[in-house]
N, C-alpha and C. Protein backbone atom coordinates (compact mmCIF):
# COMPACT_ATOMS: atom_id res chain seq x y z
N MET A 1 0.71 0.69 17.49
CA MET A 1 0.81 0.79 16.12
C MET A 1 -0.34 1.63 15.58
N THR A 2 -0.02 2.59 14.74
CA THR A 2 -1.03 3.41 14.08
C THR A 2 -1.65 2.66 12.92
N ALA A 3 -2.80 3.29 12.45
CA ALA A 3 -3.46 2.57 11.30
C ALA A 3 -2.50 2.65 10.07
N ALA A 4 -1.82 3.78 9.95
CA ALA A 4 -0.94 3.88 8.70
C ALA A 4 0.24 2.92 8.91
N GLU A 5 0.76 2.72 10.01
CA GLU A 5 1.83 1.76 10.20
C GLU A 5 1.27 0.29 9.97
N LEU A 6 0.13 0.00 10.40
CA LEU A 6 -0.49 -1.30 10.12
C LEU A 6 -0.60 -1.53 8.60
N LEU A 7 -1.15 -0.49 7.92
CA LEU A 7 -1.33 -0.63 6.49
C LEU A 7 -0.02 -0.86 5.74
N ASN A 8 1.05 -0.27 6.22
CA ASN A 8 2.36 -0.37 5.64
C ASN A 8 2.95 -1.79 5.74
N THR A 9 2.32 -2.63 6.59
CA THR A 9 2.79 -4.06 6.72
C THR A 9 2.07 -4.90 5.76
N ARG A 10 1.18 -4.27 4.97
CA ARG A 10 0.38 -5.00 3.98
C ARG A 10 -0.43 -6.19 4.53
N PRO A 11 -1.27 -5.92 5.60
CA PRO A 11 -2.04 -6.95 6.19
C PRO A 11 -3.19 -7.43 5.26
N GLU A 12 -2.92 -8.40 4.50
CA GLU A 12 -3.85 -8.81 3.40
C GLU A 12 -5.28 -9.08 3.92
N PRO A 13 -5.47 -9.72 5.04
CA PRO A 13 -6.89 -9.86 5.50
C PRO A 13 -7.62 -8.52 5.70
N LEU A 14 -6.84 -7.55 6.25
CA LEU A 14 -7.43 -6.24 6.44
C LEU A 14 -7.81 -5.55 5.02
N LEU A 15 -6.94 -5.75 4.13
CA LEU A 15 -7.06 -5.07 2.79
C LEU A 15 -8.14 -5.77 1.93
N TRP A 16 -8.22 -7.12 1.90
CA TRP A 16 -9.00 -7.84 0.97
C TRP A 16 -9.97 -8.84 1.51
N GLY A 17 -9.88 -9.18 2.69
CA GLY A 17 -10.63 -10.24 3.28
C GLY A 17 -12.14 -10.00 3.40
N TYR A 18 -12.53 -8.75 3.55
CA TYR A 18 -13.83 -8.42 3.80
C TYR A 18 -14.09 -6.93 3.43
N GLY A 19 -15.25 -6.45 3.28
CA GLY A 19 -15.54 -5.05 3.01
C GLY A 19 -15.17 -4.22 4.14
N GLY A 20 -14.40 -3.23 3.93
CA GLY A 20 -13.94 -2.43 4.99
C GLY A 20 -13.68 -1.02 4.55
N PRO A 21 -12.90 -0.20 5.31
CA PRO A 21 -12.59 1.19 4.95
C PRO A 21 -11.79 1.41 3.71
N LEU A 22 -11.11 0.41 3.33
CA LEU A 22 -10.29 0.54 2.11
C LEU A 22 -10.80 0.09 0.83
N TRP A 23 -11.62 -0.93 0.94
CA TRP A 23 -12.27 -1.50 -0.29
C TRP A 23 -13.60 -2.22 0.08
N VAL A 24 -14.57 -1.91 -0.60
CA VAL A 24 -15.89 -2.59 -0.30
C VAL A 24 -16.59 -2.64 -1.69
N GLU A 25 -17.29 -3.77 -1.97
CA GLU A 25 -17.96 -3.86 -3.23
C GLU A 25 -19.27 -3.17 -2.99
N PRO A 26 -19.89 -2.55 -4.08
CA PRO A 26 -21.18 -1.83 -3.97
C PRO A 26 -22.28 -2.57 -3.30
N PRO A 27 -22.53 -3.79 -3.56
CA PRO A 27 -23.71 -4.44 -2.86
C PRO A 27 -23.52 -4.36 -1.33
N GLU A 28 -22.33 -4.53 -0.84
CA GLU A 28 -22.02 -4.46 0.61
C GLU A 28 -22.22 -3.02 1.14
N LEU A 29 -21.72 -2.08 0.37
CA LEU A 29 -21.89 -0.66 0.77
C LEU A 29 -23.38 -0.21 0.75
N TYR A 30 -23.96 -0.37 -0.32
CA TYR A 30 -25.37 0.11 -0.51
C TYR A 30 -26.33 -0.43 0.51
N GLY A 31 -26.23 -1.73 0.76
CA GLY A 31 -27.16 -2.37 1.69
C GLY A 31 -27.22 -1.70 2.99
N GLY A 32 -26.07 -1.26 3.54
CA GLY A 32 -25.95 -0.61 4.83
C GLY A 32 -26.63 0.76 4.84
N TRP A 33 -26.75 1.41 3.72
CA TRP A 33 -27.33 2.73 3.69
C TRP A 33 -28.85 2.72 3.44
N LEU A 34 -29.43 1.64 3.08
CA LEU A 34 -30.85 1.58 2.79
C LEU A 34 -31.68 1.94 4.02
N ALA A 35 -31.15 1.66 5.19
CA ALA A 35 -31.92 1.94 6.37
C ALA A 35 -31.45 3.26 7.15
N GLU A 36 -30.59 3.95 6.49
CA GLU A 36 -30.03 5.20 7.09
C GLU A 36 -30.26 6.38 6.17
N TRP A 37 -30.02 7.63 6.67
CA TRP A 37 -30.13 8.84 5.85
C TRP A 37 -28.75 9.14 5.36
N MET A 38 -28.61 9.21 4.02
CA MET A 38 -27.26 9.51 3.43
C MET A 38 -27.09 11.08 3.55
N PRO A 39 -25.94 11.49 4.10
CA PRO A 39 -25.62 12.95 4.15
C PRO A 39 -25.34 13.55 2.86
N PHE A 40 -25.03 12.78 1.82
CA PHE A 40 -24.70 13.33 0.52
C PHE A 40 -24.68 12.10 -0.44
N SER A 41 -24.88 12.40 -1.71
CA SER A 41 -24.87 11.32 -2.78
C SER A 41 -23.34 10.98 -2.98
N GLN A 42 -23.13 9.82 -3.58
CA GLN A 42 -21.75 9.35 -3.81
C GLN A 42 -21.63 8.89 -5.28
N ILE A 43 -20.59 9.18 -5.89
CA ILE A 43 -20.29 8.70 -7.26
C ILE A 43 -18.95 7.89 -7.14
N HIS A 44 -18.97 6.74 -7.71
CA HIS A 44 -17.73 5.99 -7.61
C HIS A 44 -17.57 5.20 -8.93
N GLY A 45 -16.42 4.72 -9.14
CA GLY A 45 -16.03 3.94 -10.33
C GLY A 45 -15.54 2.58 -10.07
N HIS A 46 -15.29 1.86 -11.13
CA HIS A 46 -14.52 0.57 -11.17
C HIS A 46 -15.49 -0.63 -10.92
N SER A 47 -16.37 -0.58 -9.96
CA SER A 47 -17.24 -1.67 -9.69
C SER A 47 -18.71 -1.32 -9.62
N ALA A 48 -19.53 -2.27 -9.85
CA ALA A 48 -20.95 -1.99 -9.82
C ALA A 48 -21.79 -3.05 -9.26
N ILE A 49 -23.07 -2.92 -9.24
CA ILE A 49 -24.03 -3.86 -8.69
C ILE A 49 -24.52 -4.75 -9.83
N VAL A 50 -23.90 -4.62 -11.06
CA VAL A 50 -24.37 -5.44 -12.17
C VAL A 50 -23.14 -6.01 -12.82
N SER A 51 -23.33 -7.04 -13.66
CA SER A 51 -22.30 -7.56 -14.60
C SER A 51 -22.69 -6.96 -16.02
N TYR A 52 -21.82 -6.04 -16.46
CA TYR A 52 -22.09 -5.49 -17.75
C TYR A 52 -21.89 -6.61 -18.89
N GLN A 53 -20.90 -7.42 -18.71
CA GLN A 53 -20.65 -8.48 -19.69
C GLN A 53 -21.83 -9.36 -19.85
N HIS A 54 -22.52 -9.78 -18.76
CA HIS A 54 -23.65 -10.68 -18.87
C HIS A 54 -24.97 -9.99 -18.76
N GLU A 55 -24.97 -8.69 -18.64
CA GLU A 55 -26.22 -7.93 -18.42
C GLU A 55 -27.11 -8.54 -17.36
N SER A 56 -26.47 -8.68 -16.19
CA SER A 56 -27.30 -9.30 -15.11
C SER A 56 -26.97 -8.56 -13.78
N TRP A 57 -27.87 -8.70 -12.87
CA TRP A 57 -27.81 -8.04 -11.56
C TRP A 57 -26.88 -8.86 -10.63
N MET A 58 -26.04 -8.23 -9.82
CA MET A 58 -25.22 -8.91 -8.85
C MET A 58 -25.44 -8.37 -7.47
N CYS A 59 -26.68 -8.22 -7.03
CA CYS A 59 -26.96 -7.62 -5.75
C CYS A 59 -28.35 -8.18 -5.32
N GLU A 60 -28.59 -7.99 -4.06
CA GLU A 60 -29.88 -8.50 -3.54
C GLU A 60 -31.03 -7.65 -4.07
N GLU A 61 -32.20 -8.30 -3.96
CA GLU A 61 -33.48 -7.71 -4.54
C GLU A 61 -33.72 -6.34 -4.02
N ARG A 62 -33.54 -6.09 -2.63
CA ARG A 62 -33.88 -4.80 -2.11
C ARG A 62 -33.11 -3.69 -2.69
N ILE A 63 -31.86 -4.03 -3.10
CA ILE A 63 -31.03 -2.95 -3.75
C ILE A 63 -31.43 -2.84 -5.16
N ARG A 64 -31.69 -3.87 -5.90
CA ARG A 64 -32.12 -3.90 -7.31
C ARG A 64 -33.40 -3.05 -7.44
N GLN A 65 -34.39 -3.20 -6.55
CA GLN A 65 -35.60 -2.46 -6.61
C GLN A 65 -35.41 -0.99 -6.60
N ARG A 66 -34.31 -0.49 -6.03
CA ARG A 66 -34.08 1.02 -5.87
C ARG A 66 -33.08 1.38 -6.96
N SER A 67 -32.78 0.57 -7.88
CA SER A 67 -31.75 0.89 -8.85
C SER A 67 -32.16 0.90 -10.30
N THR A 68 -31.49 1.60 -11.10
CA THR A 68 -31.57 1.63 -12.52
C THR A 68 -30.22 1.41 -13.13
N VAL A 69 -30.26 0.82 -14.35
CA VAL A 69 -28.98 0.60 -15.04
C VAL A 69 -29.07 1.08 -16.43
N ASP A 70 -27.99 1.63 -16.94
CA ASP A 70 -27.85 2.03 -18.39
C ASP A 70 -26.75 1.14 -18.87
N TRP A 71 -27.15 0.05 -19.60
CA TRP A 71 -26.17 -0.97 -20.04
C TRP A 71 -25.18 -0.39 -20.99
N GLU A 72 -25.55 0.47 -21.92
CA GLU A 72 -24.60 0.96 -22.94
C GLU A 72 -23.68 2.06 -22.25
N ALA A 73 -24.16 2.85 -21.46
CA ALA A 73 -23.35 3.88 -20.82
C ALA A 73 -22.48 3.31 -19.74
N ARG A 74 -22.81 2.11 -19.25
CA ARG A 74 -22.09 1.49 -18.12
C ARG A 74 -22.27 2.25 -16.86
N ARG A 75 -23.53 2.54 -16.48
CA ARG A 75 -23.78 3.35 -15.29
C ARG A 75 -25.00 2.73 -14.50
N THR A 76 -24.93 2.85 -13.14
CA THR A 76 -26.13 2.52 -12.36
C THR A 76 -26.37 3.67 -11.35
N GLN A 77 -27.67 3.77 -11.01
CA GLN A 77 -28.01 4.67 -9.96
C GLN A 77 -28.89 3.91 -9.00
N THR A 78 -28.58 4.13 -7.69
CA THR A 78 -29.37 3.41 -6.65
C THR A 78 -29.82 4.56 -5.67
N ARG A 79 -31.12 4.68 -5.44
CA ARG A 79 -31.69 5.64 -4.50
C ARG A 79 -31.65 5.17 -3.12
N ALA A 80 -31.37 6.08 -2.18
CA ALA A 80 -31.42 5.80 -0.74
C ALA A 80 -31.92 7.10 -0.17
N ALA A 81 -32.46 6.99 1.04
CA ALA A 81 -33.00 8.31 1.69
C ALA A 81 -31.87 9.36 1.80
N GLY A 82 -32.19 10.47 1.28
CA GLY A 82 -31.19 11.58 1.34
C GLY A 82 -30.25 11.67 0.19
N GLY A 83 -30.12 10.65 -0.65
CA GLY A 83 -29.14 10.76 -1.74
C GLY A 83 -29.25 9.46 -2.62
N ARG A 84 -28.15 9.34 -3.40
CA ARG A 84 -28.10 8.20 -4.30
C ARG A 84 -26.65 7.90 -4.55
N PHE A 85 -26.49 6.54 -4.97
CA PHE A 85 -25.16 6.05 -5.35
C PHE A 85 -25.17 6.03 -6.89
N ILE A 86 -24.16 6.53 -7.53
CA ILE A 86 -23.97 6.51 -9.00
C ILE A 86 -22.66 5.77 -9.19
N ALA A 87 -22.75 4.70 -9.97
CA ALA A 87 -21.54 3.92 -10.28
C ALA A 87 -21.23 4.13 -11.77
N VAL A 88 -20.08 4.40 -12.09
CA VAL A 88 -19.59 4.64 -13.45
C VAL A 88 -18.47 3.64 -13.71
N ASP A 89 -18.57 2.80 -14.66
CA ASP A 89 -17.54 1.76 -14.90
C ASP A 89 -17.27 1.68 -16.40
N PRO A 90 -16.28 2.60 -16.86
CA PRO A 90 -15.92 2.56 -18.20
C PRO A 90 -14.97 1.38 -18.61
N LYS A 91 -14.59 0.59 -17.67
CA LYS A 91 -13.69 -0.57 -17.87
C LYS A 91 -12.41 -0.17 -18.62
N HIS A 92 -11.76 0.81 -18.05
CA HIS A 92 -10.39 1.17 -18.60
C HIS A 92 -9.48 0.00 -18.23
N GLY A 93 -8.61 -0.24 -19.10
CA GLY A 93 -7.60 -1.31 -18.85
C GLY A 93 -6.97 -1.68 -20.17
N ARG A 94 -6.55 -2.90 -20.28
CA ARG A 94 -5.82 -3.31 -21.49
C ARG A 94 -6.65 -3.21 -22.78
N THR A 95 -7.91 -3.59 -22.62
CA THR A 95 -8.72 -3.62 -23.79
C THR A 95 -9.90 -2.61 -23.68
N GLY A 96 -10.42 -2.35 -22.51
CA GLY A 96 -11.55 -1.39 -22.33
C GLY A 96 -12.86 -1.96 -22.81
N ALA A 97 -13.83 -1.22 -22.50
CA ALA A 97 -15.23 -1.62 -22.97
C ALA A 97 -15.44 -1.24 -24.40
N ALA A 98 -16.23 -1.98 -25.07
CA ALA A 98 -16.60 -1.64 -26.49
C ALA A 98 -17.29 -0.30 -26.57
N ARG A 99 -18.14 0.04 -25.58
CA ARG A 99 -18.74 1.32 -25.60
C ARG A 99 -19.05 1.80 -24.18
N TRP A 100 -19.10 3.11 -23.91
CA TRP A 100 -19.45 3.64 -22.65
C TRP A 100 -19.59 5.13 -22.89
N SER A 101 -20.14 5.83 -21.88
CA SER A 101 -20.26 7.33 -22.01
C SER A 101 -20.01 7.90 -20.67
N PRO A 102 -19.36 9.13 -20.70
CA PRO A 102 -19.05 9.80 -19.43
C PRO A 102 -20.37 10.21 -18.73
N LEU A 103 -20.20 10.41 -17.45
CA LEU A 103 -21.32 10.94 -16.66
C LEU A 103 -21.25 12.45 -16.72
N VAL A 104 -22.40 13.02 -17.16
CA VAL A 104 -22.52 14.50 -17.27
C VAL A 104 -23.48 14.94 -16.26
N ILE A 105 -23.18 15.82 -15.35
CA ILE A 105 -24.14 16.31 -14.41
C ILE A 105 -24.48 17.79 -14.80
N GLU A 106 -25.74 17.91 -15.23
CA GLU A 106 -26.26 19.18 -15.71
C GLU A 106 -26.27 20.18 -14.64
N ASP A 107 -25.95 21.45 -14.86
CA ASP A 107 -25.99 22.55 -13.89
C ASP A 107 -25.10 22.34 -12.64
N ALA A 108 -24.13 21.53 -12.79
CA ALA A 108 -23.19 21.35 -11.60
C ALA A 108 -22.33 22.50 -11.42
N ASP A 109 -21.99 22.83 -10.22
CA ASP A 109 -20.91 23.85 -9.90
C ASP A 109 -19.61 23.18 -9.65
N LEU A 110 -18.57 23.66 -10.36
CA LEU A 110 -17.25 23.07 -10.14
C LEU A 110 -16.49 23.89 -9.07
N LEU A 111 -16.13 23.17 -7.99
CA LEU A 111 -15.47 23.84 -6.89
C LEU A 111 -14.00 23.57 -7.07
N VAL A 112 -13.22 24.65 -7.04
CA VAL A 112 -11.74 24.51 -7.17
C VAL A 112 -11.05 25.15 -6.08
C-alpha cells in the first residue's frame, strides 16, 4: 500500500494522533529544530506557540526564550540556527479576530 492509498483510508491515528508529516503543532515542530541547522526560514498560519485569547505562552521555556510575540498583529517569531519560524494567525472563521495585521516582508522578491 502506498502512502497516498493509506491516507485515502482516513487512518485517524496517522492524521491526528501525534505530530507527523500531515499536521504538527508549533511547539512540537520548533523544539526539534533548536538543536539543528534550519536550511530556510518557515512561515505558517493557523496555529501558534501562544494563546492570543489569554495572552499566554503555550510552549516550553527553551522555545519561549527564542521567541517574540506581537499580540495585536497575532504573530510570533522564533529564532533557530540558520532561520526562524514565523506564525501568522488571523483567526479567519465564523467570527474572526477582533484585530490582526498582515505579515509584510520588506524588500522581498516575488517568484512567479
